[in-house]
C-alpha atoms as a PDB file:
ATOM      1  CA  UNK A   1      64.194 -26.692 109.385  1.00  0.00           C
ATOM      2  CA  UNK A   2      61.927 -26.367 106.104  1.00  0.00           C
ATOM      3  CA  UNK A   3      60.312 -23.160 105.286  1.00  0.00           C
ATOM      4  CA  UNK A   4      56.638 -22.299 106.239  1.00  0.00           C
ATOM      5  CA  UNK A   5      55.975 -20.140 103.660  1.00  0.00           C
ATOM      6  CA  UNK A   6      57.845 -21.433 100.787  1.00  0.00           C
ATOM      7  CA  UNK A   7      55.542 -19.893  98.198  1.00  0.00           C
ATOM      8  CA  UNK A   8      55.254 -16.198  99.349  1.00  0.00           C
ATOM      9  CA  UNK A   9      57.115 -15.089  96.270  1.00  0.00           C
ATOM     10  CA  UNK A  10      55.217 -17.215  93.750  1.00  0.00           C
ATOM     11  CA  UNK A  11      51.897 -15.840  94.777  1.00  0.00           C
ATOM     12  CA  UNK A  12      53.063 -12.540  94.477  1.00  0.00           C
ATOM     13  CA  UNK A  13      53.882 -13.452  90.766  1.00  0.00           C
ATOM     14  CA  UNK A  14      50.817 -15.152  90.592  1.00  0.00           C
ATOM     15  CA  UNK A  15      48.689 -11.895  91.325  1.00  0.00           C
ATOM     16  CA  UNK A  16      51.089  -9.559  89.348  1.00  0.00           C
ATOM     17  CA  UNK A  17      50.145 -12.002  86.073  1.00  0.00           C
ATOM     18  CA  UNK A  18      46.910 -12.101  86.576  1.00  0.00           C
ATOM     19  CA  UNK A  19      46.501  -8.171  87.252  1.00  0.00           C
ATOM     20  CA  UNK A  20      48.076  -7.797  84.151  1.00  0.00           C
ATOM     21  CA  UNK A  21      45.925 -10.216  82.193  1.00  0.00           C
ATOM     22  CA  UNK A  22      43.178  -7.980  83.600  1.00  0.00           C
ATOM     23  CA  UNK A  23      44.623  -5.150  82.430  1.00  0.00           C
ATOM     24  CA  UNK A  24      45.589  -6.014  78.726  1.00  0.00           C
ATOM     25  CA  UNK A  25      41.511  -6.713  78.751  1.00  0.00           C
ATOM     26  CA  UNK A  26      40.218  -4.170  75.684  1.00  0.00           C
ATOM     27  CA  UNK A  27      38.237  -0.950  77.685  1.00  0.00           C
ATOM     28  CA  UNK A  28      34.736  -1.580  77.268  1.00  0.00           C
ATOM     29  CA  UNK A  29      35.541  -5.187  76.013  1.00  0.00           C
ATOM     30  CA  UNK A  30      31.856  -6.821  76.933  1.00  0.00           C
ATOM     31  CA  UNK A  31      30.055  -4.077  77.386  1.00  0.00           C
ATOM     32  CA  UNK A  32      28.260  -2.122  74.374  1.00  0.00           C
ATOM     33  CA  UNK A  33      28.294  -4.801  71.934  1.00  0.00           C
ATOM     34  CA  UNK A  34      24.869  -4.895  70.849  1.00  0.00           C
ATOM     35  CA  UNK A  35      22.925  -2.814  68.092  1.00  0.00           C
ATOM     36  CA  UNK A  36      22.503   0.656  68.327  1.00  0.00           C
ATOM     37  CA  UNK A  37      20.891   3.277  65.933  1.00  0.00           C
ATOM     38  CA  UNK A  38      23.019   6.716  66.770  1.00  0.00           C
ATOM     39  CA  UNK A  39      23.257  10.348  65.397  1.00  0.00           C
ATOM     40  CA  UNK A  40      26.435  11.160  64.027  1.00  0.00           C
ATOM     41  CA  UNK A  41      28.285  13.382  65.212  1.00  0.00           C
ATOM     42  CA  UNK A  42      26.225  13.869  68.419  1.00  0.00           C
ATOM     43  CA  UNK A  43      26.638  17.133  69.159  1.00  0.00           C
ATOM     44  CA  UNK A  44      27.370  20.195  66.092  1.00  0.00           C
ATOM     45  CA  UNK A  45      26.726  23.873  66.486  1.00  0.00           C
ATOM     46  CA  UNK A  46      25.887  26.459  63.103  1.00  0.00           C
ATOM     47  CA  UNK A  47      25.000  29.490  63.099  1.00  0.00           C
ATOM     48  CA  UNK A  48      21.738  30.963  62.009  1.00  0.00           C
ATOM     49  CA  UNK A  49      21.253  30.160  58.290  1.00  0.00           C
ATOM     50  CA  UNK A  50      24.164  27.680  58.572  1.00  0.00           C
ATOM     51  CA  UNK A  51      23.767  24.204  57.426  1.00  0.00           C
ATOM     52  CA  UNK A  52      25.331  20.737  58.907  1.00  0.00           C
ATOM     53  CA  UNK A  53      24.857  17.482  57.761  1.00  0.00           C
ATOM     54  CA  UNK A  54      24.231  14.264  60.564  1.00  0.00           C
ATOM     55  CA  UNK A  55      24.333  10.841  60.082  1.00  0.00           C
ATOM     56  CA  UNK A  56      21.537   8.519  61.437  1.00  0.00           C
ATOM     57  CA  UNK A  57      24.591   5.620  61.875  1.00  0.00           C
ATOM     58  CA  UNK A  58      23.729   1.533  62.567  1.00  0.00           C
ATOM     59  CA  UNK A  59      26.100   0.045  64.433  1.00  0.00           C
ATOM     60  CA  UNK A  60      27.103  -3.856  65.439  1.00  0.00           C
ATOM     61  CA  UNK A  61      24.190  -4.914  63.151  1.00  0.00           C
ATOM     62  CA  UNK A  62      23.900  -8.492  61.664  1.00  0.00           C
ATOM     63  CA  UNK A  63      22.165  -9.730  59.082  1.00  0.00           C
ATOM     64  CA  UNK A  64      20.064  -5.998  58.389  1.00  0.00           C
ATOM     65  CA  UNK A  65      17.431  -6.060  55.913  1.00  0.00           C
ATOM     66  CA  UNK A  66      15.034  -3.299  56.395  1.00  0.00           C
ATOM     67  CA  UNK A  67      15.090  -0.203  58.789  1.00  0.00           C
ATOM     68  CA  UNK A  68      12.332   2.025  60.010  1.00  0.00           C
ATOM     69  CA  UNK A  69      13.655   5.169  62.017  1.00  0.00           C
ATOM     70  CA  UNK A  70      11.045   8.260  63.202  1.00  0.00           C
ATOM     71  CA  UNK A  71      13.186  11.379  64.656  1.00  0.00           C
ATOM     72  CA  UNK A  72      12.175  14.469  66.059  1.00  0.00           C
ATOM     73  CA  UNK A  73      13.765  18.116  65.842  1.00  0.00           C
ATOM     74  CA  UNK A  74      12.363  21.327  67.059  1.00  0.00           C
ATOM     75  CA  UNK A  75      10.919  22.962  64.383  1.00  0.00           C
ATOM     76  CA  UNK A  76      11.308  26.428  65.666  1.00  0.00           C
ATOM     77  CA  UNK A  77      15.041  26.209  65.115  1.00  0.00           C
ATOM     78  CA  UNK A  78      16.222  23.969  62.718  1.00  0.00           C
ATOM     79  CA  UNK A  79      14.696  22.900  59.236  1.00  0.00           C
ATOM     80  CA  UNK A  80      15.811  19.438  56.999  1.00  0.00           C
ATOM     81  CA  UNK A  81      17.120  20.882  53.930  1.00  0.00           C
ATOM     82  CA  UNK A  82      15.558  18.735  50.742  1.00  0.00           C
ATOM     83  CA  UNK A  83      17.986  16.625  49.628  1.00  0.00           C
ATOM     84  CA  UNK A  84      15.181  15.413  46.766  1.00  0.00           C
ATOM     85  CA  UNK A  85      14.006  18.734  44.982  1.00  0.00           C
ATOM     86  CA  UNK A  86      12.764  16.958  42.316  1.00  0.00           C
ATOM     87  CA  UNK A  87       9.949  14.931  44.288  1.00  0.00           C
ATOM     88  CA  UNK A  88       7.131  16.726  45.618  1.00  0.00           C
ATOM     89  CA  UNK A  89       7.702  17.238  49.474  1.00  0.00           C
ATOM     90  CA  UNK A  90      10.557  17.123  51.519  1.00  0.00           C
ATOM     91  CA  UNK A  91      13.089  13.973  52.125  1.00  0.00           C
ATOM     92  CA  UNK A  92      16.549  13.439  53.487  1.00  0.00           C
ATOM     93  CA  UNK A  93      19.268  10.925  51.749  1.00  0.00           C
ATOM     94  CA  UNK A  94      19.206   7.429  52.092  1.00  0.00           C
ATOM     95  CA  UNK A  95      23.112   6.398  53.007  1.00  0.00           C
ATOM     96  CA  UNK A  96      25.284   3.374  51.628  1.00  0.00           C
ATOM     97  CA  UNK A  97      24.266   1.049  53.986  1.00  0.00           C
ATOM     98  CA  UNK A  98      21.405  -0.616  52.420  1.00  0.00           C
ATOM     99  CA  UNK A  99      20.563  -0.771  49.269  1.00  0.00           C
ATOM    100  CA  UNK A 100      16.643   0.998  48.722  1.00  0.00           C
ATOM    101  CA  UNK A 101      15.484  -1.326  46.504  1.00  0.00           C
ATOM    102  CA  UNK A 102      11.991  -0.428  47.861  1.00  0.00           C
ATOM    103  CA  UNK A 103      11.324   2.778  50.225  1.00  0.00           C
ATOM    104  CA  UNK A 104       8.316   2.269  52.268  1.00  0.00           C
ATOM    105  CA  UNK A 105       8.597   5.820  53.529  1.00  0.00           C
ATOM    106  CA  UNK A 106      10.871   9.338  53.238  1.00  0.00           C
ATOM    107  CA  UNK A 107       8.827  12.284  54.334  1.00  0.00           C
ATOM    108  CA  UNK A 108       9.855  15.141  56.801  1.00  0.00           C
ATOM    109  CA  UNK A 109       7.252  17.003  58.278  1.00  0.00           C
ATOM    110  CA  UNK A 110       8.544  20.663  58.491  1.00  0.00           C
ATOM    111  CA  UNK A 111       5.871  22.186  61.131  1.00  0.00           C
ATOM    112  CA  UNK A 112       6.217  19.155  62.797  1.00  0.00           C
ATOM    113  CA  UNK A 113       9.547  18.597  63.191  1.00  0.00           C
ATOM    114  CA  UNK A 114       9.475  15.226  62.290  1.00  0.00           C
ATOM    115  CA  UNK A 115      11.410  12.916  60.072  1.00  0.00           C
ATOM    116  CA  UNK A 116       9.375   9.184  58.969  1.00  0.00           C
ATOM    117  CA  UNK A 117      12.120   6.819  56.795  1.00  0.00           C
ATOM    118  CA  UNK A 118      12.007   3.509  56.327  1.00  0.00           C
ATOM    119  CA  UNK A 119      13.689   1.474  53.165  1.00  0.00           C
ATOM    120  CA  UNK A 120      14.103  -2.691  52.783  1.00  0.00           C
ATOM    121  CA  UNK A 121      16.495  -4.302  50.283  1.00  0.00           C
ATOM    122  CA  UNK A 122      15.156  -7.172  48.336  1.00  0.00           C
ATOM    123  CA  UNK A 123      16.386 -10.230  46.355  1.00  0.00           C
ATOM    124  CA  UNK A 124      19.415 -10.818  45.482  1.00  0.00           C
ATOM    125  CA  UNK A 125      20.459  -8.349  47.978  1.00  0.00           C
ATOM    126  CA  UNK A 126      22.334  -9.840  50.837  1.00  0.00           C
ATOM    127  CA  UNK A 127      21.893  -9.062  54.482  1.00  0.00           C
ATOM    128  CA  UNK A 128      24.048  -6.456  55.955  1.00  0.00           C
ATOM    129  CA  UNK A 129      26.485  -7.028  58.825  1.00  0.00           C
ATOM    130  CA  UNK A 130      28.630  -4.361  60.429  1.00  0.00           C
ATOM    131  CA  UNK A 131      28.018  -0.791  60.510  1.00  0.00           C
ATOM    132  CA  UNK A 132      27.660   2.239  58.601  1.00  0.00           C
ATOM    133  CA  UNK A 133      24.630   4.957  57.591  1.00  0.00           C
ATOM    134  CA  UNK A 134      21.505   4.345  57.220  1.00  0.00           C
ATOM    135  CA  UNK A 135      20.481   8.158  56.157  1.00  0.00           C
ATOM    136  CA  UNK A 136      21.670  11.312  56.221  1.00  0.00           C
ATOM    137  CA  UNK A 137      20.206  14.597  57.130  1.00  0.00           C
ATOM    138  CA  UNK A 138      21.216  18.394  56.177  1.00  0.00           C
ATOM    139  CA  UNK A 139      19.267  20.971  59.114  1.00  0.00           C
ATOM    140  CA  UNK A 140      19.997  24.548  58.672  1.00  0.00           C
ATOM    141  CA  UNK A 141      19.853  26.766  61.356  1.00  0.00           C
ATOM    142  CA  UNK A 142      16.695  28.677  62.201  1.00  0.00           C
ATOM    143  CA  UNK A 143      16.856  30.535  65.455  1.00  0.00           C
ATOM    144  CA  UNK A 144      19.016  30.806  68.540  1.00  0.00           C
ATOM    145  CA  UNK A 145      18.732  27.881  70.761  1.00  0.00           C
ATOM    146  CA  UNK A 146      19.323  23.869  71.299  1.00  0.00           C
ATOM    147  CA  UNK A 147      17.202  21.212  69.713  1.00  0.00           C
ATOM    148  CA  UNK A 148      17.533  17.899  70.664  1.00  0.00           C
ATOM    149  CA  UNK A 149      17.662  14.878  67.583  1.00  0.00           C
ATOM    150  CA  UNK A 150      15.625  12.182  68.898  1.00  0.00           C
ATOM    151  CA  UNK A 151      14.473   8.976  67.977  1.00  0.00           C
ATOM    152  CA  UNK A 152      10.703   8.866  68.437  1.00  0.00           C
ATOM    153  CA  UNK A 153      10.973   4.870  66.911  1.00  0.00           C
ATOM    154  CA  UNK A 154      13.446   2.500  65.534  1.00  0.00           C
ATOM    155  CA  UNK A 155      12.509  -0.822  63.798  1.00  0.00           C
ATOM    156  CA  UNK A 156      15.437  -3.042  62.120  1.00  0.00           C
ATOM    157  CA  UNK A 157      14.642  -6.253  60.545  1.00  0.00           C
ATOM    158  CA  UNK A 158      16.254  -9.179  58.910  1.00  0.00           C
ATOM    159  CA  UNK A 159      15.826 -10.985  56.143  1.00  0.00           C
ATOM    160  CA  UNK A 160      12.867 -12.754  57.007  1.00  0.00           C
ATOM    161  CA  UNK A 161      11.063  -9.888  58.429  1.00  0.00           C
ATOM    162  CA  UNK A 162      11.932 -11.021  62.247  1.00  0.00           C
ATOM    163  CA  UNK A 163      12.625  -7.595  64.099  1.00  0.00           C
ATOM    164  CA  UNK A 164      15.319  -7.560  66.904  1.00  0.00           C
ATOM    165  CA  UNK A 165      15.928  -5.269  69.730  1.00  0.00           C
ATOM    166  CA  UNK A 166      18.892  -2.039  68.692  1.00  0.00           C
ATOM    167  CA  UNK A 167      19.278   0.522  71.207  1.00  0.00           C
ATOM    168  CA  UNK A 168      19.483   4.186  70.534  1.00  0.00           C
ATOM    169  CA  UNK A 169      21.277   7.443  70.958  1.00  0.00           C
ATOM    170  CA  UNK A 170      20.092  10.917  70.304  1.00  0.00           C
ATOM    171  CA  UNK A 171      22.360  13.726  69.596  1.00  0.00           C
ATOM    172  CA  UNK A 172      22.134  18.192  69.425  1.00  0.00           C
ATOM    173  CA  UNK A 173      22.824  20.788  67.339  1.00  0.00           C
ATOM    174  CA  UNK A 174      23.183  24.125  68.449  1.00  0.00           C
ATOM    175  CA  UNK A 175      22.011  27.297  66.837  1.00  0.00           C
ATOM    176  CA  UNK A 176      23.865  30.600  67.751  1.00  0.00           C
ATOM    177  CA  UNK A 177      22.824  34.164  66.516  1.00  0.00           C
ATOM    178  CA  UNK A 178      25.322  35.651  64.124  1.00  0.00           C
ATOM    179  CA  UNK A 179      28.388  37.591  65.382  1.00  0.00           C
ATOM    180  CA  UNK A 180      28.230  41.246  64.369  1.00  0.00           C
ATOM    181  CA  UNK A 181      31.426  42.197  63.184  1.00  0.00           C
ATOM    182  CA  UNK A 182      32.657  45.604  65.454  1.00  0.00           C
ATOM    183  CA  UNK A 183      33.825  48.608  63.902  1.00  0.00           C
ATOM    184  CA  UNK A 184      37.913  49.153  64.537  1.00  0.00           C
ATOM    185  CA  UNK A 185      39.288  52.981  63.857  1.00  0.00           C
ATOM    186  CA  UNK A 186      41.237  53.369  61.277  1.00  0.00           C
ATOM    187  CA  UNK A 187      45.260  53.689  62.692  1.00  0.00           C
ATOM    188  CA  UNK A 188      46.280  57.649  62.099  1.00  0.00           C
ATOM    189  CA  UNK A 189      42.531  58.995  61.298  1.00  0.00           C
ATOM    190  CA  UNK A 190      41.854  61.324  63.818  1.00  0.00           C
ATOM    191  CA  UNK A 191      38.687  61.585  65.954  1.00  0.00           C
ATOM    192  CA  UNK A 192      36.587  64.558  65.657  1.00  0.00           C
ATOM    193  CA  UNK A 193      36.247  66.321  68.660  1.00  0.00           C
ATOM    194  CA  UNK A 194      33.282  69.017  68.956  1.00  0.00           C
ATOM    195  CA  UNK A 195      33.905  72.421  68.994  1.00  0.00           C
ATOM    196  CA  UNK A 196      32.652  74.301  72.489  1.00  0.00           C
ATOM    197  CA  UNK A 197      29.429  76.351  71.979  1.00  0.00           C
ATOM    198  CA  UNK A 198      28.315  73.694  69.146  1.00  0.00           C
ATOM    199  CA  UNK A 199      25.087  71.582  70.088  1.00  0.00           C
ATOM    200  CA  UNK A 200      25.463  68.338  69.177  1.00  0.00           C
ATOM    201  CA  UNK A 201      22.243  67.043  66.896  1.00  0.00           C
ATOM    202  CA  UNK A 202      19.956  64.703  68.969  1.00  0.00           C
ATOM    203  CA  UNK A 203      18.035  62.385  67.340  1.00  0.00           C
ATOM    204  CA  UNK A 204      14.458  62.940  67.351  1.00  0.00           C
ATOM    205  CA  UNK A 205      12.227  60.351  69.473  1.00  0.00           C
ATOM    206  CA  UNK A 206       9.497  58.287  67.391  1.00  0.00           C
ATOM    207  CA  UNK A 207      12.085  58.426  63.735  1.00  0.00           C
ATOM    208  CA  UNK A 208      14.031  54.699  64.311  1.00  0.00           C
ATOM    209  CA  UNK A 209      16.679  54.198  61.978  1.00  0.00           C
ATOM    210  CA  UNK A 210      15.706  50.728  60.363  1.00  0.00           C
ATOM    211  CA  UNK A 211      18.760  48.282  60.257  1.00  0.00           C
ATOM    212  CA  UNK A 212      18.194  44.780  58.008  1.00  0.00           C
ATOM    213  CA  UNK A 213      19.701  41.856  59.921  1.00  0.00           C
ATOM    214  CA  UNK A 214      21.366  39.611  57.298  1.00  0.00           C
ATOM    215  CA  UNK A 215      19.858  35.857  57.368  1.00  0.00           C
ATOM    216  CA  UNK A 216      16.641  36.798  59.804  1.00  0.00           C
ATOM    217  CA  UNK A 217      14.572  35.964  56.741  1.00  0.00           C
ATOM    218  CA  UNK A 218      12.011  33.087  57.873  1.00  0.00           C
ATOM    219  CA  UNK A 219      11.507  30.504  55.721  1.00  0.00           C
ATOM    220  CA  UNK A 220       8.248  29.160  54.642  1.00  0.00           C
ATOM    221  CA  UNK A 221       6.940  25.977  56.087  1.00  0.00           C
ATOM    222  CA  UNK A 222       6.593  23.264  53.832  1.00  0.00           C
ATOM    223  CA  UNK A 223       3.363  21.634  53.835  1.00  0.00           C
ATOM    224  CA  UNK A 224       3.771  18.174  55.017  1.00  0.00           C
ATOM    225  CA  UNK A 225       2.922  15.383  52.805  1.00  0.00           C
ATOM    226  CA  UNK A 226       0.550  12.729  53.168  1.00  0.00           C
ATOM    227  CA  UNK A 227       0.621   9.463  51.403  1.00  0.00           C
ATOM    228  CA  UNK A 228      -2.711   8.516  49.534  1.00  0.00           C
ATOM    229  CA  UNK A 229      -3.018   4.879  48.370  1.00  0.00           C
ATOM    230  CA  UNK A 230      -2.912   4.638  44.718  1.00  0.00           C
ATOM    231  CA  UNK A 231      -6.592   4.408  43.462  1.00  0.00           C
ATOM    232  CA  UNK A 232      -6.094   0.048  42.228  1.00  0.00           C
ATOM    233  CA  UNK A 233      -9.241  -2.043  41.971  1.00  0.00           C
ATOM    234  CA  UNK A 234      -9.163  -4.506  44.842  1.00  0.00           C
ATOM    235  CA  UNK A 235      -9.177  -8.393  43.822  1.00  0.00           C
ATOM    236  CA  UNK A 236      -9.941  -9.741  47.346  1.00  0.00           C
ATOM    237  CA  UNK A 237      -8.642 -10.022  50.734  1.00  0.00           C
ATOM    238  CA  UNK A 238      -5.798 -12.446  51.627  1.00  0.00           C
ATOM    239  CA  UNK A 239      -5.053 -13.379  55.136  1.00  0.00           C
ATOM    240  CA  UNK A 240      -1.825 -14.372  55.951  1.00  0.00           C
ATOM    241  CA  UNK A 241      -0.741 -17.784  57.335  1.00  0.00           C
ATOM    242  CA  UNK A 242       2.481 -18.546  59.179  1.00  0.00           C
ATOM    243  CA  UNK A 243       5.175 -18.479  56.986  1.00  0.00           C
ATOM    244  CA  UNK A 244       3.445 -16.900  53.987  1.00  0.00           C
ATOM    245  CA  UNK A 245       5.994 -13.926  52.440  1.00  0.00           C
ATOM    246  CA  UNK A 246       4.195 -11.061  49.963  1.00  0.00           C
ATOM    247  CA  UNK A 247       6.308 -12.615  47.456  1.00  0.00           C
ATOM    248  CA  UNK A 248       4.132 -16.233  47.587  1.00  0.00           C
ATOM    249  CA  UNK A 249       1.158 -14.163  48.420  1.00  0.00           C
ATOM    250  CA  UNK A 250       1.790 -12.319  44.753  1.00  0.00           C
ATOM    251  CA  UNK A 251       2.620 -15.326  42.702  1.00  0.00           C
ATOM    252  CA  UNK A 252      -0.511 -17.032  44.204  1.00  0.00           C
ATOM    253  CA  UNK A 253      -2.719 -14.675  42.733  1.00  0.00           C
ATOM    254  CA  UNK A 254      -0.723 -13.050  40.190  1.00  0.00           C
ATOM    255  CA  UNK A 255      -0.184  -9.831  41.470  1.00  0.00           C
ATOM    256  CA  UNK A 256       3.039  -7.240  42.349  1.00  0.00           C
ATOM    257  CA  UNK A 257       3.918  -7.795  45.700  1.00  0.00           C
ATOM    258  CA  UNK A 258       5.216  -4.064  45.758  1.00  0.00           C
ATOM    259  CA  UNK A 259       2.179  -3.147  45.243  1.00  0.00           C
ATOM    260  CA  UNK A 260       0.533  -5.451  48.020  1.00  0.00           C
ATOM    261  CA  UNK A 261       2.488  -3.519  50.280  1.00  0.00           C
ATOM    262  CA  UNK A 262       1.860   0.374  48.785  1.00  0.00           C
ATOM    263  CA  UNK A 263      -1.631  -0.737  49.003  1.00  0.00           C
ATOM    264  CA  UNK A 264      -2.312  -2.107  52.481  1.00  0.00           C
ATOM    265  CA  UNK A 265       0.604   0.430  54.173  1.00  0.00           C
ATOM    266  CA  UNK A 266       3.564  -2.203  54.704  1.00  0.00           C
ATOM    267  CA  UNK A 267       6.719  -0.010  55.131  1.00  0.00           C
ATOM    268  CA  UNK A 268       9.137  -2.748  55.427  1.00  0.00           C
ATOM    269  CA  UNK A 269       7.790  -5.697  52.551  1.00  0.00           C
ATOM    270  CA  UNK A 270       9.746  -8.720  54.567  1.00  0.00           C
ATOM    271  CA  UNK A 271       7.522  -7.878  57.712  1.00  0.00           C
ATOM    272  CA  UNK A 272       3.752  -9.419  57.519  1.00  0.00           C
ATOM    273  CA  UNK A 273       2.009 -10.679  60.307  1.00  0.00           C
ATOM    274  CA  UNK A 274      -0.035 -14.376  60.289  1.00  0.00           C
ATOM    275  CA  UNK A 275      -3.668 -13.421  60.512  1.00  0.00           C
ATOM    276  CA  UNK A 276      -2.558  -9.993  59.089  1.00  0.00           C
ATOM    277  CA  UNK A 277      -5.598  -9.291  56.497  1.00  0.00           C
ATOM    278  CA  UNK A 278      -4.365  -8.166  53.133  1.00  0.00           C
ATOM    279  CA  UNK A 279      -5.893  -6.204  50.291  1.00  0.00           C
ATOM    280  CA  UNK A 280      -4.905  -7.642  46.911  1.00  0.00           C
ATOM    281  CA  UNK A 281      -4.825  -4.669  43.996  1.00  0.00           C
ATOM    282  CA  UNK A 282      -5.058  -5.636  40.453  1.00  0.00           C
ATOM    283  CA  UNK A 283      -1.766  -4.973  39.726  1.00  0.00           C
ATOM    284  CA  UNK A 284      -0.824  -7.823  37.451  1.00  0.00           C
ATOM    285  CA  UNK A 285       3.216  -9.074  37.681  1.00  0.00           C
ATOM    286  CA  UNK A 286       4.418 -12.275  36.231  1.00  0.00           C
ATOM    287  CA  UNK A 287       7.177 -12.976  39.308  1.00  0.00           C
ATOM    288  CA  UNK A 288      10.296 -15.436  38.387  1.00  0.00           C
ATOM    289  CA  UNK A 289       9.466 -19.262  39.682  1.00  0.00           C
ATOM    290  CA  UNK A 290       9.375 -19.663  43.652  1.00  0.00           C
ATOM    291  CA  UNK A 291       6.645 -20.784  46.663  1.00  0.00           C
ATOM    292  CA  UNK A 292       3.183 -19.922  46.052  1.00  0.00           C
ATOM    293  CA  UNK A 293       0.625 -19.651  48.693  1.00  0.00           C
ATOM    294  CA  UNK A 294      -2.837 -21.670  48.664  1.00  0.00           C
ATOM    295  CA  UNK A 295      -5.185 -18.742  47.210  1.00  0.00           C
ATOM    296  CA  UNK A 296      -7.903 -17.726  49.191  1.00  0.00           C
ATOM    297  CA  UNK A 297     -10.923 -16.248  47.252  1.00  0.00           C
ATOM    298  CA  UNK A 298     -11.662 -16.311  43.589  1.00  0.00           C
ATOM    299  CA  UNK A 299     -13.939 -13.310  43.558  1.00  0.00           C
ATOM    300  CA  UNK A 300     -13.656 -10.270  45.250  1.00  0.00           C
ATOM    301  CA  UNK A 301     -15.870 -11.757  48.545  1.00  0.00           C
ATOM    302  CA  UNK A 302     -14.093 -11.338  52.045  1.00  0.00           C
ATOM    303  CA  UNK A 303     -12.956 -13.883  54.210  1.00  0.00           C
ATOM    304  CA  UNK A 304     -15.807 -14.447  56.818  1.00  0.00           C
ATOM    305  CA  UNK A 305     -13.140 -13.472  59.852  1.00  0.00           C
ATOM    306  CA  UNK A 306     -13.612  -9.613  59.258  1.00  0.00           C
ATOM    307  CA  UNK A 307     -17.145  -8.233  58.960  1.00  0.00           C
ATOM    308  CA  UNK A 308     -15.988  -5.497  57.433  1.00  0.00           C
ATOM    309  CA  UNK A 309     -12.699  -3.949  55.644  1.00  0.00           C
ATOM    310  CA  UNK A 310     -11.929  -0.050  56.277  1.00  0.00           C
ATOM    311  CA  UNK A 311      -9.011   1.374  54.675  1.00  0.00           C
ATOM    312  CA  UNK A 312      -7.623   4.187  56.857  1.00  0.00           C
ATOM    313  CA  UNK A 313      -8.008   8.215  56.161  1.00  0.00           C
ATOM    314  CA  UNK A 314      -5.343  10.576  56.625  1.00  0.00           C
ATOM    315  CA  UNK A 315      -5.903  11.894  60.281  1.00  0.00           C
ATOM    316  CA  UNK A 316      -8.301   8.638  61.835  1.00  0.00           C
ATOM    317  CA  UNK A 317      -7.233   7.339  64.105  1.00  0.00           C
ATOM    318  CA  UNK A 318      -8.166   3.733  66.140  1.00  0.00           C
ATOM    319  CA  UNK A 319     -10.421   5.602  68.614  1.00  0.00           C
ATOM    320  CA  UNK A 320     -12.569   7.385  66.100  1.00  0.00           C
ATOM    321  CA  UNK A 321     -12.648   3.841  63.233  1.00  0.00           C
ATOM    322  CA  UNK A 322     -14.104   1.594  66.516  1.00  0.00           C
ATOM    323  CA  UNK A 323     -16.609   4.713  67.151  1.00  0.00           C
ATOM    324  CA  UNK A 324     -18.018   4.389  63.596  1.00  0.00           C
ATOM    325  CA  UNK A 325     -18.218   0.508  63.401  1.00  0.00           C
ATOM    326  CA  UNK A 326     -19.302   0.266  67.262  1.00  0.00           C
ATOM    327  CA  UNK A 327     -16.385  -2.059  68.092  1.00  0.00           C
ATOM    328  CA  UNK A 328     -13.739  -1.476  70.889  1.00  0.00           C
ATOM    329  CA  UNK A 329     -10.383  -0.311  69.270  1.00  0.00           C
ATOM    330  CA  UNK A 330      -8.393  -3.103  71.250  1.00  0.00           C
ATOM    331  CA  UNK A 331     -10.686  -5.860  69.054  1.00  0.00           C
ATOM    332  CA  UNK A 332      -9.173  -3.998  66.100  1.00  0.00           C
ATOM    333  CA  UNK A 333      -5.749  -3.824  66.926  1.00  0.00           C
ATOM    334  CA  UNK A 334      -5.843  -7.749  68.262  1.00  0.00           C
ATOM    335  CA  UNK A 335      -7.348  -8.385  64.900  1.00  0.00           C
ATOM    336  CA  UNK A 336      -4.652  -6.830  62.884  1.00  0.00           C
ATOM    337  CA  UNK A 337      -1.590  -6.690  64.829  1.00  0.00           C
ATOM    338  CA  UNK A 338      -1.258  -3.918  65.981  1.00  0.00           C
ATOM    339  CA  UNK A 339       0.829  -2.688  68.812  1.00  0.00           C
ATOM    340  CA  UNK A 340       0.943   0.464  68.702  1.00  0.00           C
ATOM    341  CA  UNK A 341      -3.168   1.482  69.638  1.00  0.00           C
ATOM    342  CA  UNK A 342      -1.915   5.605  68.561  1.00  0.00           C
ATOM    343  CA  UNK A 343      -0.111   4.023  64.962  1.00  0.00           C
ATOM    344  CA  UNK A 344      -2.032   3.393  62.209  1.00  0.00           C
ATOM    345  CA  UNK A 345      -0.814   4.492  58.697  1.00  0.00           C
ATOM    346  CA  UNK A 346      -3.157   5.842  55.805  1.00  0.00           C
ATOM    347  CA  UNK A 347      -4.038   3.633  53.122  1.00  0.00           C
ATOM    348  CA  UNK A 348      -3.876   0.147  55.992  1.00  0.00           C
ATOM    349  CA  UNK A 349      -6.429  -1.492  55.472  1.00  0.00           C
ATOM    350  CA  UNK A 350      -7.738  -2.883  58.793  1.00  0.00           C
ATOM    351  CA  UNK A 351     -10.071  -5.654  59.392  1.00  0.00           C
ATOM    352  CA  UNK A 352     -13.042  -4.963  61.396  1.00  0.00           C
ATOM    353  CA  UNK A 353     -13.947  -8.476  63.768  1.00  0.00           C
END
């Protein structure tokens, strides 16, 4: 008679092969494959007065052309060592991942514990794919404790200025007190024994001995530098149209596109938005041939879509500006494509509708 379950051994073999195939898949395959911006190493330990270096790395990126990162740290425990002493303020060091053709922002606020860094490549450099170090930060320990190194905001963009999503992973630095060496008696040296009847001198109260503690000098906080827009004269105002770039706008008026970016507080010159109003500074430059945007003015008359133009001063916010003009801050944000009502920059030119 024919057996009822002739395929049972084959089923077992097939199941074993399936398990083997599953186990052969690399661990983590299909997980964490997205772009990440991380602090490397994620944790480190130093003593007071010692220094350590952390890298800001971008992992698994495709066609990266510009990057903007904002970090925070505990200023009571750490301070940043200036990477460029020849320049005013405190800066961090750009990493090798991107060519820093345009450094829109590189500033450390020691008192507030903030790092602002934004760079972008320019033609003829090609977009970058893969992983690498975007920036390098050297910290020095000030006091014992653990400071988190967190990302407040991260923006990555491609060659066309289109932002793409990225996850973040911060880190921490633990600062420990300096160890006090313990005095060890020298072998063979007898310990003096007090003679009976001889009074032992007692320290007089109120006369403390001052012992200098090495490495506890408090560094003087470096004042933060607030960027101030250059005092260029303004030729007029241009409202960005779809598909326009700073380069075609610069060719339209014979103006340096980098100067347009600086005048309007644009951190990434590859990232402008339709409807954004740009002040065109009088900074002539002869550009290579390329697309030319239609001119929108011949004199200095602003386009009718905006009733006024306001250059953001250091310390101003949208609420204060809205009170000055009697316009809601949401209307100002919408007219200027501002996504975060709490984030405007000194030198930025706002359209007041």
